[in-house]
Amino acid sequence: MSQNKHPLFSDNVIETYFTALFHPSKRVATAMFTDIHIPKSDVFYTRAAIEAATGVRYPLSHVEEAMYLEGMLTERECYNNAEQYGG
């Protein structure tokens, strides 16, 4: 699985959101909100279930990619319309 290197595809979604929210530059904050990716809630639940069962905490990008490749998410539900997932 590829690891997404986009700075706003983060496992710290809430921290990223609040960083943008309270950024002193309105221009930068607007750009951050335009680019931020908050995965579908199913991705968070699936990651939590995997972690509970195996003890392994995968990055959100990894779980989203796997769910897309398994047909559990559509292109529109993924970061950048799943272009980087190669499904």
N, C-alpha and C. Protein backbone atom coordinates (compact mmCIF):
# COMPACT_ATOMS: atom_id res chain seq x y z
N MET A 1 0.83 -1.17 0.00
CA MET A 1 0.00 0.00 0.00
C MET A 1 0.88 1.25 0.00
N SER A 2 0.50 2.20 -0.79
CA SER A 2 1.26 3.45 -0.83
C SER A 2 0.93 4.30 0.38
N GLN A 3 1.89 5.04 0.84
CA GLN A 3 1.65 5.97 1.94
C GLN A 3 1.48 7.36 1.35
N ASN A 4 0.35 7.98 1.68
CA ASN A 4 0.06 9.30 1.16
C ASN A 4 0.92 10.32 1.88
N LYS A 5 1.67 11.11 1.14
CA LYS A 5 2.58 12.09 1.73
C LYS A 5 1.98 13.49 1.76
N HIS A 6 0.74 13.64 1.34
CA HIS A 6 0.12 14.96 1.37
C HIS A 6 0.06 15.44 2.82
N PRO A 7 0.53 16.65 3.10
CA PRO A 7 0.62 17.12 4.48
C PRO A 7 -0.73 17.25 5.19
N LEU A 8 -1.82 17.37 4.43
CA LEU A 8 -3.11 17.51 5.09
C LEU A 8 -3.91 16.21 5.07
N PHE A 9 -3.28 15.11 4.64
CA PHE A 9 -3.89 13.80 4.81
C PHE A 9 -3.21 13.23 6.04
N SER A 10 -3.81 13.45 7.16
CA SER A 10 -3.14 13.26 8.43
C SER A 10 -3.90 12.29 9.32
N ASP A 11 -3.19 11.62 10.19
CA ASP A 11 -3.85 10.82 11.22
C ASP A 11 -4.35 11.72 12.35
N ASN A 12 -3.89 12.94 12.38
CA ASN A 12 -4.30 13.90 13.40
C ASN A 12 -5.29 14.88 12.79
N VAL A 13 -6.43 14.37 12.37
CA VAL A 13 -7.41 15.17 11.64
C VAL A 13 -7.89 16.35 12.46
N ILE A 14 -8.19 16.14 13.72
CA ILE A 14 -8.71 17.22 14.56
C ILE A 14 -7.64 18.30 14.76
N GLU A 15 -6.40 17.88 15.02
CA GLU A 15 -5.33 18.86 15.20
C GLU A 15 -5.10 19.66 13.91
N THR A 16 -5.17 18.98 12.77
CA THR A 16 -4.99 19.65 11.49
C THR A 16 -6.12 20.65 11.26
N TYR A 17 -7.35 20.25 11.58
CA TYR A 17 -8.50 21.13 11.42
C TYR A 17 -8.35 22.39 12.28
N PHE A 18 -7.99 22.21 13.55
CA PHE A 18 -7.86 23.37 14.44
C PHE A 18 -6.65 24.23 14.10
N THR A 19 -5.61 23.64 13.57
CA THR A 19 -4.47 24.43 13.09
C THR A 19 -4.94 25.37 11.99
N ALA A 20 -5.73 24.86 11.07
CA ALA A 20 -6.27 25.70 10.00
C ALA A 20 -7.24 26.74 10.56
N LEU A 21 -8.09 26.30 11.48
CA LEU A 21 -9.11 27.18 12.04
C LEU A 21 -8.51 28.41 12.72
N PHE A 22 -7.42 28.21 13.45
CA PHE A 22 -6.82 29.29 14.21
C PHE A 22 -5.56 29.87 13.57
N HIS A 23 -5.33 29.56 12.31
CA HIS A 23 -4.14 30.09 11.64
C HIS A 23 -4.27 31.61 11.53
N PRO A 24 -3.21 32.37 11.84
CA PRO A 24 -3.31 33.83 11.82
C PRO A 24 -3.53 34.43 10.43
N SER A 25 -3.14 33.72 9.39
CA SER A 25 -3.32 34.23 8.03
C SER A 25 -4.60 33.64 7.44
N LYS A 26 -5.55 34.52 7.12
CA LYS A 26 -6.81 34.05 6.54
C LYS A 26 -6.57 33.36 5.20
N ARG A 27 -5.62 33.87 4.42
CA ARG A 27 -5.31 33.27 3.12
C ARG A 27 -4.79 31.84 3.29
N VAL A 28 -3.87 31.65 4.22
CA VAL A 28 -3.31 30.32 4.47
C VAL A 28 -4.38 29.40 5.03
N ALA A 29 -5.18 29.90 5.96
CA ALA A 29 -6.25 29.08 6.56
C ALA A 29 -7.24 28.62 5.49
N THR A 30 -7.61 29.51 4.59
CA THR A 30 -8.54 29.16 3.51
C THR A 30 -7.94 28.07 2.62
N ALA A 31 -6.67 28.21 2.30
CA ALA A 31 -6.00 27.19 1.48
C ALA A 31 -5.96 25.85 2.22
N MET A 32 -5.71 25.89 3.53
CA MET A 32 -5.66 24.65 4.31
C MET A 32 -7.03 23.97 4.32
N PHE A 33 -8.09 24.74 4.51
CA PHE A 33 -9.44 24.15 4.53
C PHE A 33 -9.83 23.60 3.17
N THR A 34 -9.35 24.22 2.13
CA THR A 34 -9.63 23.74 0.79
C THR A 34 -8.96 22.38 0.55
N ASP A 35 -7.79 22.18 1.12
CA ASP A 35 -7.02 20.97 0.89
C ASP A 35 -7.22 19.86 1.92
N ILE A 36 -7.78 20.18 3.07
CA ILE A 36 -7.86 19.19 4.15
C ILE A 36 -8.74 18.00 3.74
N HIS A 37 -8.33 16.83 4.13
CA HIS A 37 -9.10 15.61 3.83
C HIS A 37 -9.50 14.96 5.14
N ILE A 38 -10.80 14.87 5.37
CA ILE A 38 -11.32 14.15 6.53
C ILE A 38 -11.97 12.88 5.99
N PRO A 39 -11.37 11.73 6.27
CA PRO A 39 -11.92 10.48 5.74
C PRO A 39 -13.34 10.21 6.22
N LYS A 40 -14.06 9.42 5.46
CA LYS A 40 -15.40 8.99 5.84
C LYS A 40 -15.32 8.28 7.19
N SER A 41 -16.36 8.41 8.00
CA SER A 41 -16.34 7.84 9.35
C SER A 41 -16.08 6.34 9.35
N ASP A 42 -16.49 5.64 8.30
CA ASP A 42 -16.25 4.19 8.22
C ASP A 42 -14.75 3.87 8.30
N VAL A 43 -13.92 4.77 7.79
CA VAL A 43 -12.47 4.55 7.82
C VAL A 43 -11.98 4.57 9.27
N PHE A 44 -12.48 5.50 10.07
CA PHE A 44 -12.09 5.57 11.48
C PHE A 44 -12.56 4.33 12.24
N TYR A 45 -13.82 3.92 11.99
CA TYR A 45 -14.36 2.74 12.67
C TYR A 45 -13.61 1.47 12.28
N THR A 46 -13.30 1.34 11.00
CA THR A 46 -12.57 0.16 10.53
C THR A 46 -11.18 0.11 11.15
N ARG A 47 -10.50 1.26 11.18
CA ARG A 47 -9.17 1.30 11.79
C ARG A 47 -9.25 0.91 13.27
N ALA A 48 -10.25 1.40 13.99
CA ALA A 48 -10.41 1.06 15.40
C ALA A 48 -10.67 -0.44 15.58
N ALA A 49 -11.48 -1.03 14.70
CA ALA A 49 -11.76 -2.46 14.79
C ALA A 49 -10.50 -3.28 14.52
N ILE A 50 -9.73 -2.88 13.54
CA ILE A 50 -8.47 -3.58 13.23
C ILE A 50 -7.52 -3.47 14.41
N GLU A 51 -7.41 -2.27 14.97
CA GLU A 51 -6.51 -2.07 16.11
C GLU A 51 -6.96 -2.90 17.32
N ALA A 52 -8.27 -2.96 17.56
CA ALA A 52 -8.77 -3.76 18.69
C ALA A 52 -8.49 -5.25 18.50
N ALA A 53 -8.59 -5.70 17.26
CA ALA A 53 -8.40 -7.12 16.97
C ALA A 53 -6.94 -7.54 16.89
N THR A 54 -6.08 -6.63 16.41
CA THR A 54 -4.69 -7.02 16.14
C THR A 54 -3.65 -6.27 16.98
N GLY A 55 -4.05 -5.12 17.52
CA GLY A 55 -3.10 -4.29 18.25
C GLY A 55 -2.26 -3.40 17.34
N VAL A 56 -2.53 -3.45 16.04
CA VAL A 56 -1.78 -2.64 15.06
C VAL A 56 -2.63 -1.43 14.69
N ARG A 57 -2.05 -0.23 14.77
CA ARG A 57 -2.75 0.99 14.39
C ARG A 57 -2.20 1.47 13.05
N TYR A 58 -2.96 1.24 11.99
CA TYR A 58 -2.56 1.65 10.64
C TYR A 58 -2.88 3.12 10.41
N PRO A 59 -2.13 3.78 9.53
CA PRO A 59 -2.46 5.16 9.16
C PRO A 59 -3.83 5.20 8.47
N LEU A 60 -4.53 6.31 8.63
CA LEU A 60 -5.83 6.46 7.98
C LEU A 60 -5.73 6.27 6.48
N SER A 61 -4.66 6.77 5.88
CA SER A 61 -4.50 6.64 4.43
C SER A 61 -4.40 5.17 4.02
N HIS A 62 -3.77 4.37 4.83
CA HIS A 62 -3.60 2.94 4.56
C HIS A 62 -4.97 2.24 4.61
N VAL A 63 -5.74 2.55 5.64
CA VAL A 63 -7.06 1.93 5.80
C VAL A 63 -8.00 2.39 4.69
N GLU A 64 -7.96 3.69 4.36
CA GLU A 64 -8.82 4.19 3.29
C GLU A 64 -8.47 3.52 1.96
N GLU A 65 -7.20 3.39 1.68
CA GLU A 65 -6.78 2.75 0.44
C GLU A 65 -7.27 1.30 0.39
N ALA A 66 -7.08 0.57 1.47
CA ALA A 66 -7.52 -0.83 1.51
C ALA A 66 -9.03 -0.94 1.33
N MET A 67 -9.77 -0.06 1.98
CA MET A 67 -11.23 -0.09 1.85
C MET A 67 -11.66 0.23 0.43
N TYR A 68 -10.97 1.17 -0.21
CA TYR A 68 -11.28 1.49 -1.61
C TYR A 68 -10.98 0.30 -2.52
N LEU A 69 -9.82 -0.31 -2.35
CA LEU A 69 -9.43 -1.44 -3.20
C LEU A 69 -10.33 -2.65 -2.99
N GLU A 70 -10.93 -2.76 -1.81
CA GLU A 70 -11.86 -3.86 -1.53
C GLU A 70 -13.30 -3.53 -1.96
N GLY A 71 -13.49 -2.32 -2.49
CA GLY A 71 -14.82 -1.93 -2.96
C GLY A 71 -15.74 -1.40 -1.87
N MET A 72 -15.18 -1.09 -0.72
CA MET A 72 -15.99 -0.61 0.40
C MET A 72 -16.18 0.91 0.37
N LEU A 73 -15.41 1.62 -0.44
CA LEU A 73 -15.53 3.06 -0.62
C LEU A 73 -15.54 3.37 -2.11
N THR A 74 -16.24 4.41 -2.47
CA THR A 74 -16.22 4.86 -3.87
C THR A 74 -15.08 5.85 -4.06
N GLU A 75 -14.79 6.17 -5.31
CA GLU A 75 -13.74 7.15 -5.60
C GLU A 75 -14.04 8.48 -4.93
N ARG A 76 -15.29 8.91 -4.97
CA ARG A 76 -15.67 10.21 -4.39
C ARG A 76 -15.48 10.26 -2.88
N GLU A 77 -15.47 9.11 -2.22
CA GLU A 77 -15.32 9.06 -0.76
C GLU A 77 -13.85 9.06 -0.34
N CYS A 78 -12.95 9.02 -1.30
CA CYS A 78 -11.52 8.92 -1.00
C CYS A 78 -10.80 10.23 -1.29
N TYR A 79 -9.62 10.34 -0.70
CA TYR A 79 -8.78 11.51 -0.95
C TYR A 79 -8.45 11.62 -2.43
N ASN A 80 -8.62 12.80 -2.99
CA ASN A 80 -8.24 13.08 -4.37
C ASN A 80 -8.88 12.10 -5.35
N ASN A 81 -10.12 11.69 -5.04
CA ASN A 81 -10.87 10.74 -5.87
C ASN A 81 -10.10 9.45 -6.14
N ALA A 82 -9.30 9.03 -5.16
CA ALA A 82 -8.58 7.75 -5.19
C ALA A 82 -7.58 7.62 -6.33
N GLU A 83 -7.15 8.75 -6.89
CA GLU A 83 -6.21 8.69 -8.01
C GLU A 83 -4.92 7.99 -7.65
N GLN A 84 -4.45 8.14 -6.42
CA GLN A 84 -3.17 7.55 -6.03
C GLN A 84 -3.30 6.07 -5.63
N TYR A 85 -4.51 5.55 -5.55
CA TYR A 85 -4.69 4.17 -5.07
C TYR A 85 -4.57 3.12 -6.15
N GLY A 86 -4.65 3.50 -7.39
CA GLY A 86 -4.39 2.58 -8.49
C GLY A 86 -5.31 1.38 -8.57
N GLY A 87 -6.53 1.53 -8.17
CA GLY A 87 -7.48 0.42 -8.17
C GLY A 87 -8.03 0.23 -9.50
